[in-house]
Amino acid sequence: MHAAVRREALEECGLEIEPLEIAYVEDLWDKDARICKIWFAGRIVGGELTSSAPGAAAERIVEAAFLSREELAGKTVYPPVLHEQYWTDKASGFNSVRYLGIREMITE
């Protein structure tokens, strides 16, 4: 699984990472599919953050940036847990996997 996490990070945002632990599990659905996303906490070991990596368009990634909690305020981010709960989970070291529930996938 860690090999897949490393590959996806590189393909979607240009970063080489060392996966650490599973942070979140999220279910997404639309009229044609149901997808389970697994979000990992990790450590950056190389690469450069970009929204023009080869897999970014397929994942509808239009912008990539490292933002503080204050800078995230008022922005649309996915998963929405990044606005509040993430900061508590990060401070605790992601001690347990958090299930985020199911939400409709935005396909615009």
PDB file of N, CA and C in Angstrom:
ATOM      1  N   MET A   1       0.816  -1.190   0.000  1.00  0.00           N
ATOM      2  CA  MET A   1       0.000   0.000   0.000  1.00  0.00           C
ATOM      3  C   MET A   1       0.862   1.257   0.000  1.00  0.00           C
ATOM      4  N   HIS A   2       1.973   1.243   0.705  1.00  0.00           N
ATOM      5  CA  HIS A   2       2.828   2.430   0.763  1.00  0.00           C
ATOM      6  C   HIS A   2       3.382   2.790  -0.606  1.00  0.00           C
ATOM      7  N   ALA A   3       3.654   1.793  -1.444  1.00  0.00           N
ATOM      8  CA  ALA A   3       4.136   2.066  -2.805  1.00  0.00           C
ATOM      9  C   ALA A   3       3.069   2.825  -3.591  1.00  0.00           C
ATOM     10  N   ALA A   4       1.808   2.445  -3.426  1.00  0.00           N
ATOM     11  CA  ALA A   4       0.713   3.123  -4.117  1.00  0.00           C
ATOM     12  C   ALA A   4       0.573   4.566  -3.624  1.00  0.00           C
ATOM     13  N   VAL A   5       0.738   4.772  -2.326  1.00  0.00           N
ATOM     14  CA  VAL A   5       0.652   6.122  -1.758  1.00  0.00           C
ATOM     15  C   VAL A   5       1.774   6.992  -2.323  1.00  0.00           C
ATOM     16  N   ARG A   6       2.988   6.454  -2.368  1.00  0.00           N
ATOM     17  CA  ARG A   6       4.116   7.214  -2.924  1.00  0.00           C
ATOM     18  C   ARG A   6       3.860   7.570  -4.385  1.00  0.00           C
ATOM     19  N   ARG A   7       3.372   6.609  -5.167  1.00  0.00           N
ATOM     20  CA  ARG A   7       3.113   6.827  -6.589  1.00  0.00           C
ATOM     21  C   ARG A   7       2.042   7.901  -6.781  1.00  0.00           C
ATOM     22  N   GLU A   8       0.938   7.797  -6.040  1.00  0.00           N
ATOM     23  CA  GLU A   8      -0.152   8.757  -6.184  1.00  0.00           C
ATOM     24  C   GLU A   8       0.289  10.178  -5.830  1.00  0.00           C
ATOM     25  N   ALA A   9       1.044  10.331  -4.773  1.00  0.00           N
ATOM     26  CA  ALA A   9       1.517  11.664  -4.382  1.00  0.00           C
ATOM     27  C   ALA A   9       2.380  12.272  -5.484  1.00  0.00           C
ATOM     28  N   LEU A  10       3.261  11.478  -6.048  1.00  0.00           N
ATOM     29  CA  LEU A  10       4.131  11.966  -7.121  1.00  0.00           C
ATOM     30  C   LEU A  10       3.317  12.310  -8.363  1.00  0.00           C
ATOM     31  N   GLU A  11       2.399  11.427  -8.742  1.00  0.00           N
ATOM     32  CA  GLU A  11       1.591  11.650  -9.943  1.00  0.00           C
ATOM     33  C   GLU A  11       0.640  12.829  -9.813  1.00  0.00           C
ATOM     34  N   GLU A  12       0.081  13.044  -8.632  1.00  0.00           N
ATOM     35  CA  GLU A  12      -0.954  14.055  -8.473  1.00  0.00           C
ATOM     36  C   GLU A  12      -0.452  15.410  -8.009  1.00  0.00           C
ATOM     37  N   CYS A  13       0.668  15.449  -7.279  1.00  0.00           N
ATOM     38  CA  CYS A  13       1.127  16.764  -6.809  1.00  0.00           C
ATOM     39  C   CYS A  13       2.635  16.964  -6.890  1.00  0.00           C
ATOM     40  N   GLY A  14       3.353  16.027  -7.504  1.00  0.00           N
ATOM     41  CA  GLY A  14       4.778  16.220  -7.734  1.00  0.00           C
ATOM     42  C   GLY A  14       5.680  15.997  -6.534  1.00  0.00           C
ATOM     43  N   LEU A  15       5.140  15.481  -5.435  1.00  0.00           N
ATOM     44  CA  LEU A  15       5.942  15.302  -4.227  1.00  0.00           C
ATOM     45  C   LEU A  15       6.341  13.849  -4.020  1.00  0.00           C
ATOM     46  N   GLU A  16       7.571  13.653  -3.599  1.00  0.00           N
ATOM     47  CA  GLU A  16       8.038  12.345  -3.151  1.00  0.00           C
ATOM     48  C   GLU A  16       7.807  12.325  -1.639  1.00  0.00           C
ATOM     49  N   ILE A  17       7.083  11.309  -1.172  1.00  0.00           N
ATOM     50  CA  ILE A  17       6.745  11.269   0.242  1.00  0.00           C
ATOM     51  C   ILE A  17       7.080   9.922   0.865  1.00  0.00           C
ATOM     52  N   GLU A  18       7.210   9.958   2.168  1.00  0.00           N
ATOM     53  CA  GLU A  18       7.302   8.747   2.979  1.00  0.00           C
ATOM     54  C   GLU A  18       5.974   8.637   3.722  1.00  0.00           C
ATOM     55  N   PRO A  19       5.116   7.682   3.340  1.00  0.00           N
ATOM     56  CA  PRO A  19       3.835   7.533   4.036  1.00  0.00           C
ATOM     57  C   PRO A  19       4.073   7.119   5.492  1.00  0.00           C
ATOM     58  N   LEU A  20       3.312   7.695   6.406  1.00  0.00           N
ATOM     59  CA  LEU A  20       3.458   7.359   7.813  1.00  0.00           C
ATOM     60  C   LEU A  20       2.280   6.533   8.311  1.00  0.00           C
ATOM     61  N   GLU A  21       1.103   7.150   8.431  1.00  0.00           N
ATOM     62  CA  GLU A  21      -0.055   6.398   8.913  1.00  0.00           C
ATOM     63  C   GLU A  21      -1.306   6.871   8.200  1.00  0.00           C
ATOM     64  N   ILE A  22      -2.317   6.012   8.224  1.00  0.00           N
ATOM     65  CA  ILE A  22      -3.615   6.399   7.668  1.00  0.00           C
ATOM     66  C   ILE A  22      -4.234   7.422   8.614  1.00  0.00           C
ATOM     67  N   ALA A  23      -4.675   8.542   8.047  1.00  0.00           N
ATOM     68  CA  ALA A  23      -5.311   9.586   8.846  1.00  0.00           C
ATOM     69  C   ALA A  23      -6.830   9.536   8.717  1.00  0.00           C
ATOM     70  N   TYR A  24      -7.328   9.406   7.488  1.00  0.00           N
ATOM     71  CA  TYR A  24      -8.763   9.486   7.245  1.00  0.00           C
ATOM     72  C   TYR A  24      -9.199   8.481   6.192  1.00  0.00           C
ATOM     73  N   VAL A  25     -10.447   8.034   6.328  1.00  0.00           N
ATOM     74  CA  VAL A  25     -11.106   7.220   5.306  1.00  0.00           C
ATOM     75  C   VAL A  25     -12.383   7.961   4.941  1.00  0.00           C
ATOM     76  N   GLU A  26     -12.594   8.149   3.646  1.00  0.00           N
ATOM     77  CA  GLU A  26     -13.732   8.935   3.163  1.00  0.00           C
ATOM     78  C   GLU A  26     -14.428   8.186   2.034  1.00  0.00           C
ATOM     79  N   ASP A  27     -15.743   8.118   2.080  1.00  0.00           N
ATOM     80  CA  ASP A  27     -16.543   7.530   1.003  1.00  0.00           C
ATOM     81  C   ASP A  27     -17.110   8.648   0.149  1.00  0.00           C
ATOM     82  N   LEU A  28     -16.995   8.468  -1.164  1.00  0.00           N
ATOM     83  CA  LEU A  28     -17.544   9.426  -2.115  1.00  0.00           C
ATOM     84  C   LEU A  28     -18.473   8.691  -3.062  1.00  0.00           C
ATOM     85  N   TRP A  29     -19.522   9.362  -3.531  1.00  0.00           N
ATOM     86  CA  TRP A  29     -20.416   8.729  -4.483  1.00  0.00           C
ATOM     87  C   TRP A  29     -20.915   9.758  -5.483  1.00  0.00           C
ATOM     88  N   ASP A  30     -21.252   9.256  -6.660  1.00  0.00           N
ATOM     89  CA  ASP A  30     -21.996  10.021  -7.647  1.00  0.00           C
ATOM     90  C   ASP A  30     -22.926   9.044  -8.356  1.00  0.00           C
ATOM     91  N   LYS A  31     -23.563   9.461  -9.423  1.00  0.00           N
ATOM     92  CA  LYS A  31     -24.553   8.600 -10.070  1.00  0.00           C
ATOM     93  C   LYS A  31     -23.946   7.340 -10.683  1.00  0.00           C
ATOM     94  N   ASP A  32     -22.649   7.330 -10.931  1.00  0.00           N
ATOM     95  CA  ASP A  32     -22.006   6.194 -11.596  1.00  0.00           C
ATOM     96  C   ASP A  32     -21.077   5.367 -10.728  1.00  0.00           C
ATOM     97  N   ALA A  33     -20.679   5.880  -9.586  1.00  0.00           N
ATOM     98  CA  ALA A  33     -19.638   5.169  -8.831  1.00  0.00           C
ATOM     99  C   ALA A  33     -19.667   5.501  -7.349  1.00  0.00           C
ATOM    100  N   ARG A  34     -19.021   4.641  -6.607  1.00  0.00           N
ATOM    101  CA  ARG A  34     -18.743   4.899  -5.191  1.00  0.00           C
ATOM    102  C   ARG A  34     -17.258   4.636  -5.002  1.00  0.00           C
ATOM    103  N   ILE A  35     -16.570   5.574  -4.389  1.00  0.00           N
ATOM    104  CA  ILE A  35     -15.117   5.509  -4.230  1.00  0.00           C
ATOM    105  C   ILE A  35     -14.770   5.646  -2.755  1.00  0.00           C
ATOM    106  N   CYS A  36     -13.832   4.858  -2.308  1.00  0.00           N
ATOM    107  CA  CYS A  36     -13.308   4.980  -0.954  1.00  0.00           C
ATOM    108  C   CYS A  36     -11.917   5.597  -1.052  1.00  0.00           C
ATOM    109  N   LYS A  37     -11.739   6.761  -0.449  1.00  0.00           N
ATOM    110  CA  LYS A  37     -10.426   7.424  -0.446  1.00  0.00           C
ATOM    111  C   LYS A  37      -9.788   7.229   0.915  1.00  0.00           C
ATOM    112  N   ILE A  38      -8.508   6.923   0.893  1.00  0.00           N
ATOM    113  CA  ILE A  38      -7.736   6.772   2.126  1.00  0.00           C
ATOM    114  C   ILE A  38      -6.689   7.875   2.127  1.00  0.00           C
ATOM    115  N   TRP A  39      -6.749   8.713   3.154  1.00  0.00           N
ATOM    116  CA  TRP A  39      -5.835   9.851   3.281  1.00  0.00           C
ATOM    117  C   TRP A  39      -4.738   9.479   4.269  1.00  0.00           C
ATOM    118  N   PHE A  40      -3.491   9.649   3.867  1.00  0.00           N
ATOM    119  CA  PHE A  40      -2.333   9.334   4.694  1.00  0.00           C
ATOM    120  C   PHE A  40      -1.651  10.591   5.195  1.00  0.00           C
ATOM    121  N   ALA A  41      -1.101  10.519   6.377  1.00  0.00           N
ATOM    122  CA  ALA A  41      -0.139  11.515   6.838  1.00  0.00           C
ATOM    123  C   ALA A  41       1.212  11.031   6.326  1.00  0.00           C
ATOM    124  N   GLY A  42       2.078  11.943   5.969  1.00  0.00           N
ATOM    125  CA  GLY A  42       3.366  11.539   5.439  1.00  0.00           C
ATOM    126  C   GLY A  42       4.410  12.621   5.614  1.00  0.00           C
ATOM    127  N   ARG A  43       5.618  12.278   5.233  1.00  0.00           N
ATOM    128  CA  ARG A  43       6.754  13.197   5.324  1.00  0.00           C
ATOM    129  C   ARG A  43       7.288  13.423   3.910  1.00  0.00           C
ATOM    130  N   ILE A  44       7.476  14.676   3.534  1.00  0.00           N
ATOM    131  CA  ILE A  44       8.020  15.007   2.216  1.00  0.00           C
ATOM    132  C   ILE A  44       9.507  14.699   2.205  1.00  0.00           C
ATOM    133  N   VAL A  45       9.952  13.966   1.182  1.00  0.00           N
ATOM    134  CA  VAL A  45      11.371  13.630   1.054  1.00  0.00           C
ATOM    135  C   VAL A  45      11.968  14.138  -0.250  1.00  0.00           C
ATOM    136  N   GLY A  46      11.157  14.739  -1.117  1.00  0.00           N
ATOM    137  CA  GLY A  46      11.677  15.273  -2.375  1.00  0.00           C
ATOM    138  C   GLY A  46      10.556  15.782  -3.255  1.00  0.00           C
ATOM    139  N   GLY A  47      10.933  16.226  -4.437  1.00  0.00           N
ATOM    140  CA  GLY A  47       9.967  16.726  -5.401  1.00  0.00           C
ATOM    141  C   GLY A  47       9.609  18.170  -5.148  1.00  0.00           C
ATOM    142  N   GLU A  48       8.655  18.650  -5.931  1.00  0.00           N
ATOM    143  CA  GLU A  48       8.207  20.032  -5.810  1.00  0.00           C
ATOM    144  C   GLU A  48       6.690  20.065  -5.957  1.00  0.00           C
ATOM    145  N   LEU A  49       6.018  20.720  -5.039  1.00  0.00           N
ATOM    146  CA  LEU A  49       4.562  20.804  -5.053  1.00  0.00           C
ATOM    147  C   LEU A  49       4.091  21.552  -6.298  1.00  0.00           C
ATOM    148  N   THR A  50       3.161  20.926  -7.022  1.00  0.00           N
ATOM    149  CA  THR A  50       2.633  21.531  -8.240  1.00  0.00           C
ATOM    150  C   THR A  50       1.212  21.046  -8.497  1.00  0.00           C
ATOM    151  N   SER A  51       0.436  21.865  -9.186  1.00  0.00           N
ATOM    152  CA  SER A  51      -0.890  21.437  -9.616  1.00  0.00           C
ATOM    153  C   SER A  51      -0.874  21.016 -11.078  1.00  0.00           C
ATOM    154  N   SER A  52       0.311  20.965 -11.673  1.00  0.00           N
ATOM    155  CA  SER A  52       0.418  20.554 -13.075  1.00  0.00           C
ATOM    156  C   SER A  52       1.112  19.205 -13.235  1.00  0.00           C
ATOM    157  N   ALA A  53       1.176  18.421 -12.157  1.00  0.00           N
ATOM    158  CA  ALA A  53       1.722  17.067 -12.239  1.00  0.00           C
ATOM    159  C   ALA A  53       0.841  16.252 -13.183  1.00  0.00           C
ATOM    160  N   PRO A  54       1.357  15.176 -13.775  1.00  0.00           N
ATOM    161  CA  PRO A  54       0.594  14.404 -14.769  1.00  0.00           C
ATOM    162  C   PRO A  54      -0.796  13.960 -14.325  1.00  0.00           C
ATOM    163  N   GLY A  55      -0.989  13.581 -13.076  1.00  0.00           N
ATOM    164  CA  GLY A  55      -2.286  13.089 -12.621  1.00  0.00           C
ATOM    165  C   GLY A  55      -3.194  14.140 -12.022  1.00  0.00           C
ATOM    166  N   ALA A  56      -2.764  15.382 -11.974  1.00  0.00           N
ATOM    167  CA  ALA A  56      -3.553  16.429 -11.318  1.00  0.00           C
ATOM    168  C   ALA A  56      -4.886  16.690 -12.015  1.00  0.00           C
ATOM    169  N   ALA A  57      -4.877  16.780 -13.328  1.00  0.00           N
ATOM    170  CA  ALA A  57      -6.112  17.078 -14.060  1.00  0.00           C
ATOM    171  C   ALA A  57      -7.156  15.982 -13.852  1.00  0.00           C
ATOM    172  N   ALA A  58      -6.730  14.740 -13.850  1.00  0.00           N
ATOM    173  CA  ALA A  58      -7.670  13.624 -13.664  1.00  0.00           C
ATOM    174  C   ALA A  58      -8.340  13.683 -12.297  1.00  0.00           C
ATOM    175  N   GLU A  59      -7.668  14.221 -11.307  1.00  0.00           N
ATOM    176  CA  GLU A  59      -8.220  14.345  -9.953  1.00  0.00           C
ATOM    177  C   GLU A  59      -8.847  15.715  -9.699  1.00  0.00           C
ATOM    178  N   ARG A  60      -8.932  16.514 -10.748  1.00  0.00           N
ATOM    179  CA  ARG A  60      -9.514  17.863 -10.664  1.00  0.00           C
ATOM    180  C   ARG A  60      -8.748  18.764  -9.693  1.00  0.00           C
ATOM    181  N   ILE A  61      -7.449  18.564  -9.626  1.00  0.00           N
ATOM    182  CA  ILE A  61      -6.601  19.412  -8.791  1.00  0.00           C
ATOM    183  C   ILE A  61      -6.275  20.665  -9.598  1.00  0.00           C
ATOM    184  N   VAL A  62      -6.704  21.814  -9.106  1.00  0.00           N
ATOM    185  CA  VAL A  62      -6.505  23.061  -9.834  1.00  0.00           C
ATOM    186  C   VAL A  62      -5.515  23.997  -9.152  1.00  0.00           C
ATOM    187  N   GLU A  63      -5.208  23.702  -7.890  1.00  0.00           N
ATOM    188  CA  GLU A  63      -4.259  24.538  -7.154  1.00  0.00           C
ATOM    189  C   GLU A  63      -3.623  23.690  -6.067  1.00  0.00           C
ATOM    190  N   ALA A  64      -2.350  23.891  -5.839  1.00  0.00           N
ATOM    191  CA  ALA A  64      -1.642  23.175  -4.787  1.00  0.00           C
ATOM    192  C   ALA A  64      -0.792  24.172  -4.011  1.00  0.00           C
ATOM    193  N   ALA A  65      -0.895  24.138  -2.687  1.00  0.00           N
ATOM    194  CA  ALA A  65      -0.141  25.062  -1.849  1.00  0.00           C
ATOM    195  C   ALA A  65      -0.080  24.518  -0.431  1.00  0.00           C
ATOM    196  N   PHE A  66       0.927  24.924   0.295  1.00  0.00           N
ATOM    197  CA  PHE A  66       1.008  24.645   1.718  1.00  0.00           C
ATOM    198  C   PHE A  66       0.445  25.872   2.428  1.00  0.00           C
ATOM    199  N   LEU A  67      -0.618  25.661   3.196  1.00  0.00           N
ATOM    200  CA  LEU A  67      -1.294  26.777   3.850  1.00  0.00           C
ATOM    201  C   LEU A  67      -1.390  26.546   5.353  1.00  0.00           C
ATOM    202  N   SER A  68      -1.332  27.632   6.075  1.00  0.00           N
ATOM    203  CA  SER A  68      -1.555  27.568   7.519  1.00  0.00           C
ATOM    204  C   SER A  68      -3.057  27.458   7.773  1.00  0.00           C
ATOM    205  N   ARG A  69      -3.400  27.194   8.999  1.00  0.00           N
ATOM    206  CA  ARG A  69      -4.813  27.114   9.388  1.00  0.00           C
ATOM    207  C   ARG A  69      -5.537  28.422   9.065  1.00  0.00           C
ATOM    208  N   GLU A  70      -4.889  29.525   9.334  1.00  0.00           N
ATOM    209  CA  GLU A  70      -5.482  30.835   9.078  1.00  0.00           C
ATOM    210  C   GLU A  70      -5.672  31.062   7.580  1.00  0.00           C
ATOM    211  N   GLU A  71      -4.715  30.626   6.774  1.00  0.00           N
ATOM    212  CA  GLU A  71      -4.814  30.815   5.331  1.00  0.00           C
ATOM    213  C   GLU A  71      -5.902  29.944   4.699  1.00  0.00           C
ATOM    214  N   LEU A  72      -6.261  28.832   5.340  1.00  0.00           N
ATOM    215  CA  LEU A  72      -7.324  27.957   4.829  1.00  0.00           C
ATOM    216  C   LEU A  72      -8.717  28.538   5.064  1.00  0.00           C
ATOM    217  N   ALA A  73      -8.842  29.402   6.039  1.00  0.00           N
ATOM    218  CA  ALA A  73     -10.156  29.954   6.396  1.00  0.00           C
ATOM    219  C   ALA A  73     -10.821  30.578   5.176  1.00  0.00           C
ATOM    220  N   GLY A  74     -12.061  30.180   4.938  1.00  0.00           N
ATOM    221  CA  GLY A  74     -12.828  30.742   3.840  1.00  0.00           C
ATOM    222  C   GLY A  74     -12.593  30.098   2.487  1.00  0.00           C
ATOM    223  N   LYS A  75     -11.657  29.165   2.394  1.00  0.00           N
ATOM    224  CA  LYS A  75     -11.371  28.489   1.124  1.00  0.00           C
ATOM    225  C   LYS A  75     -12.145  27.175   1.045  1.00  0.00           C
ATOM    226  N   THR A  76     -12.440  26.747  -0.169  1.00  0.00           N
ATOM    227  CA  THR A  76     -13.047  25.449  -0.389  1.00  0.00           C
ATOM    228  C   THR A  76     -11.929  24.427  -0.468  1.00  0.00           C
ATOM    229  N   VAL A  77     -11.939  23.458   0.438  1.00  0.00           N
ATOM    230  CA  VAL A  77     -10.905  22.420   0.461  1.00  0.00           C
ATOM    231  C   VAL A  77     -11.559  21.059   0.656  1.00  0.00           C
ATOM    232  N   TYR A  78     -10.888  20.044   0.142  1.00  0.00           N
ATOM    233  CA  TYR A  78     -11.367  18.667   0.311  1.00  0.00           C
ATOM    234  C   TYR A  78     -10.238  17.813   0.826  1.00  0.00           C
ATOM    235  N   PRO A  79     -10.507  17.008   1.817  1.00  0.00           N
ATOM    236  CA  PRO A  79     -11.782  16.861   2.495  1.00  0.00           C
ATOM    237  C   PRO A  79     -12.030  18.053   3.429  1.00  0.00           C
ATOM    238  N   PRO A  80     -13.284  18.395   3.676  1.00  0.00           N
ATOM    239  CA  PRO A  80     -13.618  19.551   4.518  1.00  0.00           C
ATOM    240  C   PRO A  80     -13.024  19.490   5.927  1.00  0.00           C
ATOM    241  N   VAL A  81     -12.666  18.302   6.401  1.00  0.00           N
ATOM    242  CA  VAL A  81     -12.074  18.152   7.732  1.00  0.00           C
ATOM    243  C   VAL A  81     -10.793  18.984   7.878  1.00  0.00           C
ATOM    244  N   LEU A  82     -10.196  19.384   6.764  1.00  0.00           N
ATOM    245  CA  LEU A  82      -8.960  20.170   6.818  1.00  0.00           C
ATOM    246  C   LEU A  82      -9.144  21.534   7.463  1.00  0.00           C
ATOM    247  N   HIS A  83     -10.388  22.007   7.529  1.00  0.00           N
ATOM    248  CA  HIS A  83     -10.618  23.314   8.151  1.00  0.00           C
ATOM    249  C   HIS A  83     -10.419  23.280   9.660  1.00  0.00           C
ATOM    250  N   GLU A  84     -10.856  22.241  10.337  1.00  0.00           N
ATOM    251  CA  GLU A  84     -10.814  22.231  11.800  1.00  0.00           C
ATOM    252  C   GLU A  84     -10.168  20.970  12.380  1.00  0.00           C
ATOM    253  N   GLN A  85     -10.821  19.838  12.211  1.00  0.00           N
ATOM    254  CA  GLN A  85     -10.422  18.605  12.890  1.00  0.00           C
ATOM    255  C   GLN A  85      -8.993  18.180  12.569  1.00  0.00           C
ATOM    256  N   TYR A  86      -8.546  18.433  11.348  1.00  0.00           N
ATOM    257  CA  TYR A  86      -7.193  18.047  10.940  1.00  0.00           C
ATOM    258  C   TYR A  86      -6.141  18.574  11.908  1.00  0.00           C
ATOM    259  N   TRP A  87      -6.282  19.807  12.341  1.00  0.00           N
ATOM    260  CA  TRP A  87      -5.271  20.433  13.184  1.00  0.00           C
ATOM    261  C   TRP A  87      -5.172  19.735  14.542  1.00  0.00           C
ATOM    262  N   THR A  88      -6.295  19.319  15.085  1.00  0.00           N
ATOM    263  CA  THR A  88      -6.308  18.554  16.336  1.00  0.00           C
ATOM    264  C   THR A  88      -5.686  17.179  16.111  1.00  0.00           C
ATOM    265  N   ASP A  89      -6.083  16.531  15.012  1.00  0.00           N
ATOM    266  CA  ASP A  89      -5.543  15.206  14.698  1.00  0.00           C
ATOM    267  C   ASP A  89      -4.035  15.270  14.464  1.00  0.00           C
ATOM    268  N   LYS A  90      -3.582  16.293  13.774  1.00  0.00           N
ATOM    269  CA  LYS A  90      -2.145  16.453  13.510  1.00  0.00           C
ATOM    270  C   LYS A  90      -1.381  16.626  14.820  1.00  0.00           C
ATOM    271  N   ALA A  91      -1.900  17.461  15.706  1.00  0.00           N
ATOM    272  CA  ALA A  91      -1.236  17.701  16.992  1.00  0.00           C
ATOM    273  C   ALA A  91      -1.137  16.425  17.822  1.00  0.00           C
ATOM    274  N   SER A  92      -2.126  15.539  17.673  1.00  0.00           N
ATOM    275  CA  SER A  92      -2.106  14.297  18.446  1.00  0.00           C
ATOM    276  C   SER A  92      -1.331  13.185  17.748  1.00  0.00           C
ATOM    277  N   GLY A  93      -0.819  13.454  16.541  1.00  0.00           N
ATOM    278  CA  GLY A  93      -0.049  12.453  15.821  1.00  0.00           C
ATOM    279  C   GLY A  93      -0.908  11.435  15.086  1.00  0.00           C
ATOM    280  N   PHE A  94      -2.154  11.802  14.759  1.00  0.00           N
ATOM    281  CA  PHE A  94      -3.067  10.896  14.048  1.00  0.00           C
ATOM    282  C   PHE A  94      -3.104   9.535  14.739  1.00  0.00           C
ATOM    283  N   ASN A  95      -3.454   9.553  16.031  1.00  0.00           N
ATOM    284  CA  ASN A  95      -3.447   8.340  16.848  1.00  0.00           C
ATOM    285  C   ASN A  95      -4.418   7.265  16.408  1.00  0.00           C
ATOM    286  N   SER A  96      -5.471   7.649  15.695  1.00  0.00           N
ATOM    287  CA  SER A  96      -6.416   6.645  15.202  1.00  0.00           C
ATOM    288  C   SER A  96      -6.957   7.104  13.859  1.00  0.00           C
ATOM    289  N   VAL A  97      -7.397   6.145  13.069  1.00  0.00           N
ATOM    290  CA  VAL A  97      -7.984   6.454  11.771  1.00  0.00           C
ATOM    291  C   VAL A  97      -9.370   7.043  11.998  1.00  0.00           C
ATOM    292  N   ARG A  98      -9.657   8.136  11.327  1.00  0.00           N
ATOM    293  CA  ARG A  98     -10.954   8.801  11.476  1.00  0.00           C
ATOM    294  C   ARG A  98     -11.766   8.576  10.205  1.00  0.00           C
ATOM    295  N   TYR A  99     -12.988   8.022  10.356  1.00  0.00           N
ATOM    296  CA  TYR A  99     -13.892   7.840   9.233  1.00  0.00           C
ATOM    297  C   TYR A  99     -14.644   9.147   9.008  1.00  0.00           C
ATOM    298  N   LEU A 100     -14.579   9.678   7.795  1.00  0.00           N
ATOM    299  CA  LEU A 100     -15.184  10.968   7.491  1.00  0.00           C
ATOM    300  C   LEU A 100     -16.621  10.874   7.001  1.00  0.00           C
ATOM    301  N   GLY A 101     -17.111   9.668   6.798  1.00  0.00           N
ATOM    302  CA  GLY A 101     -18.476   9.511   6.328  1.00  0.00           C
ATOM    303  C   GLY A 101     -18.550   9.483   4.816  1.00  0.00           C
ATOM    304  N   ILE A 102     -19.758   9.624   4.316  1.00  0.00           N
ATOM    305  CA  ILE A 102     -19.986   9.578   2.881  1.00  0.00           C
ATOM    306  C   ILE A 102     -20.500  10.929   2.418  1.00  0.00           C
ATOM    307  N   ARG A 103     -20.001  11.388   1.267  1.00  0.00           N
ATOM    308  CA  ARG A 103     -20.478  12.637   0.690  1.00  0.00           C
ATOM    309  C   ARG A 103     -20.524  12.508  -0.824  1.00  0.00           C
ATOM    310  N   GLU A 104     -21.352  13.323  -1.428  1.00  0.00           N
ATOM    311  CA  GLU A 104     -21.468  13.296  -2.878  1.00  0.00           C
ATOM    312  C   GLU A 104     -20.207  13.867  -3.515  1.00  0.00           C
ATOM    313  N   MET A 105     -19.719  13.179  -4.525  1.00  0.00           N
ATOM    314  CA  MET A 105     -18.538  13.613  -5.254  1.00  0.00           C
ATOM    315  C   MET A 105     -18.912  14.789  -6.152  1.00  0.00           C
ATOM    316  N   ILE A 106     -18.096  15.814  -6.146  1.00  0.00           N
ATOM    317  CA  ILE A 106     -18.326  16.968  -7.009  1.00  0.00           C
ATOM    318  C   ILE A 106     -17.641  16.683  -8.335  1.00  0.00           C
ATOM    319  N   THR A 107     -18.404  16.721  -9.421  1.00  0.00           N
ATOM    320  CA  THR A 107     -17.862  16.339 -10.730  1.00  0.00           C
ATOM    321  C   THR A 107     -17.913  17.471 -11.742  1.00  0.00           C
ATOM    322  N   GLU A 108     -17.986  18.680 -11.290  1.00  0.00           N
ATOM    323  CA  GLU A 108     -18.070  19.841 -12.198  1.00  0.00           C
ATOM    324  C   GLU A 108     -16.764  20.087 -12.888  1.00  0.00           C
TER     325      GLU A 108
END
